[in-house]
C-alpha atoms as a PDB file:
ATOM      1  CA  MET A   1       0.000   0.000   0.000  1.00  0.00           C
ATOM      2  CA  LYS A   2       1.473   3.348  -1.043  1.00  0.00           C
ATOM      3  CA  ARG A   3       1.584   6.483   1.081  1.00  0.00           C
ATOM      4  CA  ASN A   4      -0.498   8.584  -1.271  1.00  0.00           C
ATOM      5  CA  PHE A   5      -3.471   6.326  -0.468  1.00  0.00           C
ATOM      6  CA  LEU A   6      -3.329   7.100   3.258  1.00  0.00           C
ATOM      7  CA  PRO A   7      -5.936   9.923   3.263  1.00  0.00           C
ATOM      8  CA  THR A   8      -8.379   7.801   1.250  1.00  0.00           C
ATOM      9  CA  ILE A   9      -8.012   4.815   3.556  1.00  0.00           C
ATOM     10  CA  PHE A  10      -8.316   6.993   6.642  1.00  0.00           C
ATOM     11  CA  SER A  11     -11.521   8.510   5.271  1.00  0.00           C
ATOM     12  CA  ALA A  12     -12.962   5.024   4.678  1.00  0.00           C
ATOM     13  CA  LEU A  13     -12.403   4.022   8.290  1.00  0.00           C
ATOM     14  CA  VAL A  14     -13.773   7.308   9.614  1.00  0.00           C
ATOM     15  CA  PHE A  15     -16.863   6.804   7.437  1.00  0.00           C
ATOM     16  CA  ALA A  16     -17.364   3.289   8.781  1.00  0.00           C
ATOM     17  CA  SER A  17     -17.077   4.485  12.382  1.00  0.00           C
ATOM     18  CA  ALA A  18     -19.336   7.478  11.794  1.00  0.00           C
ATOM     19  CA  SER A  19     -21.986   5.336  10.111  1.00  0.00           C
ATOM     20  CA  PHE A  20     -22.080   3.013  13.082  1.00  0.00           C
ATOM     21  CA  ALA A  21     -22.193   5.933  15.527  1.00  0.00           C
ATOM     22  CA  GLN A  22     -25.231   7.337  13.716  1.00  0.00           C
ATOM     23  CA  SER A  23     -27.073   4.047  13.569  1.00  0.00           C
ATOM     24  CA  GLY A  24     -26.026   2.994  17.074  1.00  0.00           C
ATOM     25  CA  PRO A  25     -26.745  -0.329  18.704  1.00  0.00           C
ATOM     26  CA  PRO A  26     -30.107  -1.935  17.927  1.00  0.00           C
ATOM     27  CA  PRO A  27     -32.993  -0.846  20.190  1.00  0.00           C
ATOM     28  CA  VAL A  28     -34.267  -3.217  22.811  1.00  0.00           C
ATOM     29  CA  ALA A  29     -37.506  -3.859  20.939  1.00  0.00           C
ATOM     30  CA  ALA A  30     -35.669  -4.729  17.743  1.00  0.00           C
ATOM     31  CA  ALA A  31     -33.295  -7.036  19.591  1.00  0.00           C
ATOM     32  CA  ALA A  32     -36.250  -8.786  21.179  1.00  0.00           C
ATOM     33  CA  GLY A  33     -37.866  -9.214  17.779  1.00  0.00           C
ATOM     34  CA  GLU A  34     -34.690 -10.700  16.360  1.00  0.00           C
ATOM     35  CA  SER A  35     -34.462 -13.090  19.308  1.00  0.00           C
ATOM     36  CA  ALA A  36     -38.028 -14.181  18.712  1.00  0.00           C
ATOM     37  CA  ALA A  37     -37.296 -14.785  15.040  1.00  0.00           C
ATOM     38  CA  GLN A  38     -34.241 -16.816  15.963  1.00  0.00           C
ATOM     39  CA  SER A  39     -36.297 -18.896  18.400  1.00  0.00           C
ATOM     40  CA  ASN A  40     -38.644 -19.855  15.551  1.00  0.00           C
ATOM     41  CA  GLN A  41     -35.690 -21.050  13.520  1.00  0.00           C
ATOM     42  CA  PRO A  42     -33.083 -22.432  15.936  1.00  0.00           C
ATOM     43  CA  VAL A  43     -29.474 -21.977  14.908  1.00  0.00           C
ATOM     44  CA  SER A  44     -27.369 -25.111  14.658  1.00  0.00           C
ATOM     45  CA  TYR A  45     -24.699 -25.760  17.269  1.00  0.00           C
ATOM     46  CA  ALA A  46     -21.999 -25.915  14.617  1.00  0.00           C
ATOM     47  CA  SER A  47     -22.920 -22.474  13.307  1.00  0.00           C
ATOM     48  CA  VAL A  48     -22.923 -20.884  16.766  1.00  0.00           C
ATOM     49  CA  SER A  49     -19.676 -22.624  17.713  1.00  0.00           C
ATOM     50  CA  GLN A  50     -17.964 -21.383  14.560  1.00  0.00           C
ATOM     51  CA  LEU A  51     -19.143 -17.814  15.152  1.00  0.00           C
ATOM     52  CA  ASN A  52     -18.171 -17.766  18.829  1.00  0.00           C
ATOM     53  CA  GLY A  53     -14.658 -18.932  18.018  1.00  0.00           C
ATOM     54  CA  MET A  54     -14.338 -16.290  15.329  1.00  0.00           C
ATOM     55  CA  LEU A  55     -15.597 -13.474  17.556  1.00  0.00           C
ATOM     56  CA  SER A  56     -13.446 -14.522  20.511  1.00  0.00           C
ATOM     57  CA  GLN A  57     -10.374 -14.432  18.288  1.00  0.00           C
ATOM     58  CA  LEU A  58     -11.409 -11.021  16.995  1.00  0.00           C
ATOM     59  CA  GLU A  59     -11.822  -9.629  20.513  1.00  0.00           C
ATOM     60  CA  SER A  60      -8.393 -10.935  21.488  1.00  0.00           C
ATOM     61  CA  THR A  61      -6.780  -9.393  18.406  1.00  0.00           C
ATOM     62  CA  SER A  62      -8.516  -6.083  19.109  1.00  0.00           C
ATOM     63  CA  LYS A  63      -7.078  -5.856  22.623  1.00  0.00           C
ATOM     64  CA  THR A  64      -3.591  -6.796  21.426  1.00  0.00           C
ATOM     65  CA  THR A  65      -3.708  -4.251  18.611  1.00  0.00           C
ATOM     66  CA  GLN A  66      -4.778  -1.439  20.925  1.00  0.00           C
ATOM     67  CA  SER A  67      -1.836  -2.230  23.185  1.00  0.00           C
ATOM     68  CA  ASP A  68       0.616  -2.437  20.274  1.00  0.00           C
ATOM     69  CA  LEU A  69      -0.537   0.923  18.908  1.00  0.00           C
ATOM     70  CA  VAL A  70       0.058   2.592  22.276  1.00  0.00           C
ATOM     71  CA  ASN A  71       3.688   1.430  22.150  1.00  0.00           C
ATOM     72  CA  LEU A  72       4.366   3.246  18.885  1.00  0.00           C
ATOM     73  CA  ARG A  73       6.535   6.365  19.016  1.00  0.00           C
ATOM     74  CA  VAL A  74       5.464   8.019  15.811  1.00  0.00           C
ATOM     75  CA  GLU A  75       6.656  11.430  17.002  1.00  0.00           C
ATOM     76  CA  ARG A  76      10.226  10.077  17.039  1.00  0.00           C
ATOM     77  CA  TRP A  77      10.181   8.866  13.454  1.00  0.00           C
ATOM     78  CA  LYS A  78      12.669  10.552  11.172  1.00  0.00           C
ATOM     79  CA  VAL A  79      10.190  11.660   8.562  1.00  0.00           C
ATOM     80  CA  ASP A  80       8.357  14.873   7.629  1.00  0.00           C
ATOM     81  CA  ASN A  81       5.677  16.191   9.959  1.00  0.00           C
ATOM     82  CA  SER A  82       2.836  15.778   7.464  1.00  0.00           C
ATOM     83  CA  TYR A  83       3.428  12.029   7.295  1.00  0.00           C
ATOM     84  CA  LYS A  84       3.652  11.829  11.096  1.00  0.00           C
ATOM     85  CA  LYS A  85       0.378  13.722  11.419  1.00  0.00           C
ATOM     86  CA  GLN A  86      -1.396  11.448   8.947  1.00  0.00           C
ATOM     87  CA  THR A  87      -0.092   8.328  10.715  1.00  0.00           C
ATOM     88  CA  LEU A  88      -1.189   9.629  14.119  1.00  0.00           C
ATOM     89  CA  GLU A  89      -4.671  10.321  12.738  1.00  0.00           C
ATOM     90  CA  ASN A  90      -4.827   6.782  11.391  1.00  0.00           C
ATOM     91  CA  VAL A  91      -3.736   5.364  14.752  1.00  0.00           C
ATOM     92  CA  ASP A  92      -6.352   7.438  16.572  1.00  0.00           C
ATOM     93  CA  SER A  93      -9.052   6.321  14.142  1.00  0.00           C
ATOM     94  CA  ILE A  94      -8.149   2.661  14.624  1.00  0.00           C
ATOM     95  CA  GLN A  95      -8.174   3.021  18.407  1.00  0.00           C
ATOM     96  CA  ARG A  96     -11.630   4.637  18.410  1.00  0.00           C
ATOM     97  CA  ASN A  97     -13.012   1.970  16.102  1.00  0.00           C
ATOM     98  CA  LEU A  98     -11.632  -0.893  18.163  1.00  0.00           C
ATOM     99  CA  HIS A  99     -12.826   0.639  21.422  1.00  0.00           C
ATOM    100  CA  ASN A 100     -16.282   1.880  20.397  1.00  0.00           C
ATOM    101  CA  ALA A 101     -17.679   0.506  17.141  1.00  0.00           C
ATOM    102  CA  LEU A 102     -16.260  -3.016  17.005  1.00  0.00           C
ATOM    103  CA  PRO A 103     -17.537  -4.270  20.414  1.00  0.00           C
ATOM    104  CA  ASP A 104     -21.107  -3.214  19.603  1.00  0.00           C
ATOM    105  CA  MET A 105     -20.974  -4.936  16.223  1.00  0.00           C
ATOM    106  CA  ILE A 106     -19.746  -8.119  17.898  1.00  0.00           C
ATOM    107  CA  ALA A 107     -22.522  -7.965  20.495  1.00  0.00           C
ATOM    108  CA  GLN A 108     -25.141  -7.419  17.800  1.00  0.00           C
ATOM    109  CA  LEU A 109     -23.944 -10.453  15.867  1.00  0.00           C
ATOM    110  CA  ARG A 110     -23.878 -12.608  18.988  1.00  0.00           C
ATOM    111  CA  SER A 111     -27.538 -11.812  19.607  1.00  0.00           C
ATOM    112  CA  ALA A 112     -28.393 -12.848  16.031  1.00  0.00           C
ATOM    113  CA  PRO A 113     -25.749 -15.379  14.924  1.00  0.00           C
ATOM    114  CA  GLU A 114     -27.102 -15.908  11.402  1.00  0.00           C
ATOM    115  CA  ASP A 115     -28.152 -12.351  10.618  1.00  0.00           C
ATOM    116  CA  VAL A 116     -26.627 -11.694   7.197  1.00  0.00           C
ATOM    117  CA  PRO A 117     -26.744  -7.847   7.368  1.00  0.00           C
ATOM    118  CA  ALA A 118     -25.069  -7.853  10.811  1.00  0.00           C
ATOM    119  CA  THR A 119     -22.407 -10.263   9.555  1.00  0.00           C
ATOM    120  CA  PHE A 120     -21.733  -8.129   6.501  1.00  0.00           C
ATOM    121  CA  LYS A 121     -21.574  -4.986   8.654  1.00  0.00           C
ATOM    122  CA  LEU A 122     -18.799  -6.523  10.734  1.00  0.00           C
ATOM    123  CA  TYR A 123     -17.011  -7.737   7.595  1.00  0.00           C
ATOM    124  CA  ARG A 124     -17.070  -4.265   6.050  1.00  0.00           C
ATOM    125  CA  ASN A 125     -15.665  -2.747   9.245  1.00  0.00           C
ATOM    126  CA  LEU A 126     -12.839  -5.296   9.312  1.00  0.00           C
ATOM    127  CA  ASP A 127     -12.117  -4.500   5.683  1.00  0.00           C
ATOM    128  CA  ALA A 128     -11.586  -0.818   6.547  1.00  0.00           C
ATOM    129  CA  LEU A 129      -9.567  -1.702   9.647  1.00  0.00           C
ATOM    130  CA  TYR A 130      -7.300  -3.975   7.650  1.00  0.00           C
ATOM    131  CA  ASP A 131      -6.532  -1.258   5.096  1.00  0.00           C
ATOM    132  CA  VAL A 132      -5.799   1.494   7.622  1.00  0.00           C
ATOM    133  CA  LEU A 133      -3.800  -0.752   9.939  1.00  0.00           C
ATOM    134  CA  GLY A 134      -1.849  -2.008   6.929  1.00  0.00           C
ATOM    135  CA  SER A 135      -0.805   1.547   6.091  1.00  0.00           C
ATOM    136  CA  VAL A 136       0.382   2.081   9.679  1.00  0.00           C
ATOM    137  CA  VAL A 137       2.391  -1.137   9.542  1.00  0.00           C
ATOM    138  CA  GLU A 138       4.002   0.047   6.325  1.00  0.00           C
ATOM    139  CA  GLY A 139       5.142   3.225   8.100  1.00  0.00           C
ATOM    140  CA  VAL A 140       6.413   1.233  11.068  1.00  0.00           C
ATOM    141  CA  GLY A 141       8.450  -0.918   8.705  1.00  0.00           C
ATOM    142  CA  ALA A 142      10.082   2.156   7.193  1.00  0.00           C
ATOM    143  CA  TYR A 143      10.603   4.331  10.293  1.00  0.00           C
ATOM    144  CA  GLY A 144       9.742   2.325  13.429  1.00  0.00           C
ATOM    145  CA  SER A 145      11.320  -0.458  15.439  1.00  0.00           C
ATOM    146  CA  LYS A 146      11.474  -4.098  14.441  1.00  0.00           C
ATOM    147  CA  ASP A 147       9.596  -5.170  17.554  1.00  0.00           C
ATOM    148  CA  ASN A 148       6.672  -2.868  16.756  1.00  0.00           C
ATOM    149  CA  LEU A 149       6.707  -4.063  13.167  1.00  0.00           C
ATOM    150  CA  GLN A 150       6.513  -7.725  14.181  1.00  0.00           C
ATOM    151  CA  ALA A 151       3.720  -7.134  16.694  1.00  0.00           C
ATOM    152  CA  LEU A 152       1.521  -5.097  14.345  1.00  0.00           C
ATOM    153  CA  SER A 153       2.195  -7.469  11.435  1.00  0.00           C
ATOM    154  CA  ASN A 154       0.779 -10.295  13.554  1.00  0.00           C
ATOM    155  CA  ASP A 155      -2.280  -8.155  14.291  1.00  0.00           C
ATOM    156  CA  VAL A 156      -2.859  -7.441  10.614  1.00  0.00           C
ATOM    157  CA  ASN A 157      -2.590 -11.127   9.738  1.00  0.00           C
ATOM    158  CA  SER A 158      -5.074 -12.014  12.454  1.00  0.00           C
ATOM    159  CA  PHE A 159      -7.603  -9.433  11.227  1.00  0.00           C
ATOM    160  CA  GLU A 160      -7.143 -10.705   7.687  1.00  0.00           C
ATOM    161  CA  GLY A 161      -7.797 -14.294   8.783  1.00  0.00           C
ATOM    162  CA  THR A 162     -11.034 -13.297  10.543  1.00  0.00           C
ATOM    163  CA  ARG A 163     -12.114 -11.232   7.570  1.00  0.00           C
ATOM    164  CA  LYS A 164     -11.741 -14.215   5.233  1.00  0.00           C
ATOM    165  CA  GLN A 165     -13.711 -16.427   7.606  1.00  0.00           C
ATOM    166  CA  LEU A 166     -16.512 -13.853   7.709  1.00  0.00           C
ATOM    167  CA  ALA A 167     -16.569 -13.695   3.915  1.00  0.00           C
ATOM    168  CA  GLU A 168     -16.987 -17.472   3.722  1.00  0.00           C
ATOM    169  CA  ARG A 169     -19.690 -17.351   6.394  1.00  0.00           C
ATOM    170  CA  ILE A 170     -21.618 -14.672   4.505  1.00  0.00           C
ATOM    171  CA  GLU A 171     -21.531 -16.821   1.377  1.00  0.00           C
ATOM    172  CA  THR A 172     -22.746 -19.880   3.288  1.00  0.00           C
ATOM    173  CA  LEU A 173     -25.543 -17.990   5.080  1.00  0.00           C
ATOM    174  CA  SER A 174     -26.708 -16.337   1.872  1.00  0.00           C
ATOM    175  CA  ALA A 175     -26.925 -19.682   0.082  1.00  0.00           C
ATOM    176  CA  ALA A 176     -28.860 -21.181   3.016  1.00  0.00           C
ATOM    177  CA  LYS A 177     -31.300 -18.252   3.082  1.00  0.00           C
ATOM    178  CA  GLU A 178     -31.856 -18.532  -0.655  1.00  0.00           C
ATOM    179  CA  THR A 179     -32.576 -22.249  -0.340  1.00  0.00           C
ATOM    180  CA  GLU A 180     -35.021 -21.584   2.496  1.00  0.00           C
ATOM    181  CA  ILE A 181     -36.860 -18.917   0.493  1.00  0.00           C
ATOM    182  CA  THR A 182     -37.153 -21.235  -2.500  1.00  0.00           C
ATOM    183  CA  ARG A 183     -38.541 -24.021  -0.303  1.00  0.00           C
ATOM    184  CA  LEU A 184     -41.100 -21.717   1.336  1.00  0.00           C
ATOM    185  CA  GLN A 185     -42.243 -20.390  -2.024  1.00  0.00           C
ATOM    186  CA  ALA A 186     -42.770 -23.950  -3.300  1.00  0.00           C
ATOM    187  CA  GLU A 187     -44.736 -24.886  -0.165  1.00  0.00           C
ATOM    188  CA  LEU A 188     -46.897 -21.792  -0.486  1.00  0.00           C
ATOM    189  CA  LYS A 189     -47.628 -22.584  -4.121  1.00  0.00           C
ATOM    190  CA  THR A 190     -48.584 -26.161  -3.221  1.00  0.00           C
ATOM    191  CA  ALA A 191     -50.803 -25.009  -0.363  1.00  0.00           C
ATOM    192  CA  ARG A 192     -52.648 -22.587  -2.611  1.00  0.00           C
ATOM    193  CA  ALA A 193     -53.216 -25.298  -5.204  1.00  0.00           C
ATOM    194  CA  GLU A 194     -54.751 -27.608  -2.567  1.00  0.00           C
ATOM    195  CA  ILE A 195     -57.328 -25.058  -1.439  1.00  0.00           C
ATOM    196  CA  PRO A 196     -60.708 -26.183  -2.914  1.00  0.00           C
ATOM    197  CA  ALA A 197     -62.574 -23.710  -5.063  1.00  0.00           C
ATOM    198  CA  PRO A 198     -65.802 -22.364  -3.484  1.00  0.00           C
ATOM    199  CA  PRO A 199     -68.978 -24.163  -4.778  1.00  0.00           C
ATOM    200  CA  PRO A 200     -71.258 -22.194  -7.132  1.00  0.00           C
ATOM    201  CA  LYS A 201     -74.291 -20.537  -5.567  1.00  0.00           C
ATOM    202  CA  LYS A 202     -77.592 -22.455  -6.019  1.00  0.00           C
ATOM    203  CA  VAL A 203     -80.855 -20.708  -6.886  1.00  0.00           C
ATOM    204  CA  VAL A 204     -83.940 -22.561  -5.497  1.00  0.00           C
ATOM    205  CA  VAL A 205     -87.241 -22.078  -7.385  1.00  0.00           C
ATOM    206  CA  ASP A 206     -90.492 -22.914  -5.510  1.00  0.00           C
ATOM    207  CA  ASP A 207     -93.175 -24.002  -8.040  1.00  0.00           C
ATOM    208  CA  ASN A 208     -95.928 -23.943  -5.374  1.00  0.00           C
ATOM    209  CA  ALA A 209     -95.429 -20.320  -4.514  1.00  0.00           C
ATOM    210  CA  PRO A 210     -98.363 -18.125  -5.724  1.00  0.00           C
ATOM    211  CA  ALA A 211     -97.574 -15.950  -8.636  1.00  0.00           C
ATOM    212  CA  LYS A 212     -97.382 -12.313  -7.885  1.00  0.00           C
ATOM    213  CA  LYS A 213     -99.961 -10.126  -9.602  1.00  0.00           C
ATOM    214  CA  PRO A 214     -98.573  -7.278 -11.558  1.00  0.00           C
ATOM    215  CA  VAL A 215     -99.185  -3.987  -9.937  1.00  0.00           C
ATOM    216  CA  ALA A 216    -101.218  -1.666 -12.156  1.00  0.00           C
ATOM    217  CA  LYS A 217     -99.770   1.716 -12.585  1.00  0.00           C
ATOM    218  CA  LYS A 218    -101.996   4.611 -11.678  1.00  0.00           C
ATOM    219  CA  LYS A 219    -102.808   7.011 -14.463  1.00  0.00           C
ATOM    220  CA  THR A 220    -101.870  10.508 -13.728  1.00  0.00           C
ATOM    221  CA  THR A 221    -103.894  13.348 -15.263  1.00  0.00           C
ATOM    222  CA  THR A 222    -102.771  16.861 -15.542  1.00  0.00           C
ATOM    223  CA  ARG A 223    -105.294  19.586 -14.938  1.00  0.00           C
ATOM    224  CA  LYS A 224    -105.323  22.675 -17.076  1.00  0.00           C
ATOM    225  CA  PRO A 225    -105.313  25.920 -15.149  1.00  0.00           C
ATOM    226  CA  ALA A 226    -108.727  27.666 -15.073  1.00  0.00           C
ATOM    227  CA  THR A 227    -109.051  30.602 -17.420  1.00  0.00           C
ATOM    228  CA  LYS A 228    -110.938  33.753 -16.558  1.00  0.00           C
ATOM    229  CA  PRO A 229    -113.914  34.702 -18.824  1.00  0.00           C
ATOM    230  CA  GLU A 230    -113.141  37.329 -21.289  1.00  0.00           C
ATOM    231  CA  GLU A 231    -114.445  40.721 -20.352  1.00  0.00           C
ATOM    232  CA  LYS A 232    -116.647  42.440 -22.906  1.00  0.00           C
ATOM    233  CA  PRO A 233    -115.411  45.811 -23.969  1.00  0.00           C
ATOM    234  CA  GLN A 234    -117.600  48.676 -22.806  1.00  0.00           C
ATOM    235  CA  ASP A 235    -119.543  50.642 -25.419  1.00  0.00           C
ATOM    236  CA  SER A 236    -118.167  54.113 -25.493  1.00  0.00           C
ATOM    237  CA  ASN A 237    -121.508  55.494 -26.920  1.00  0.00           C
ATOM    238  CA  LYS A 238    -123.486  54.495 -23.818  1.00  0.00           C
ATOM    239  CA  PRO A 239    -124.019  57.216 -21.344  1.00  0.00           C
ATOM    240  CA  GLN A 240    -121.998  57.025 -18.260  1.00  0.00           C
END
């Protein structure tokens, strides 16, 4: 990884941490709903065992990495101040992610072991961590001590191993979910086909019932308005 990619990588990790800070841990009601959904479809022991081992290893690596980063003496490196500043920002970003965001993601996945979105969320965070930590290790190799380089190299390898395991788990869970959806769709289609069609409505005709007489319509007559008799014109020759 080259130095000119450091700002881009740092921004990716800051974005991942900020996104988690905005979303926050799942509310209690949502967690309860997820637990109920999991109770309807119990998770296999093998799946839970695999996840617990993966998360325990991740927690151990996180603690070791935080300790190894504290031991760095970036301010003593014989390099320009801009590179020191960028490296210190990367170290601070990693520390905040490991201390704040990562534990909540792990707890969320433990409460829902086969939740694909939660698994992918943790995978994406590890992807950003791996890139930023890798850039710090590159600087340690060029300007730091050999002991710090060896310790942080082990941390990077451990994160990379967990990231690959999560990628394989996401693929397995996605395939299982797809198979389950296909099965449920087939069962629903079969169930709909087995539902009997409603019988046609029957109309009963009673031959013994008396026939109804037609109702005669009343004739309506319109009266012409009465006209007043015409008045005879008075004879003007008659005396008044």
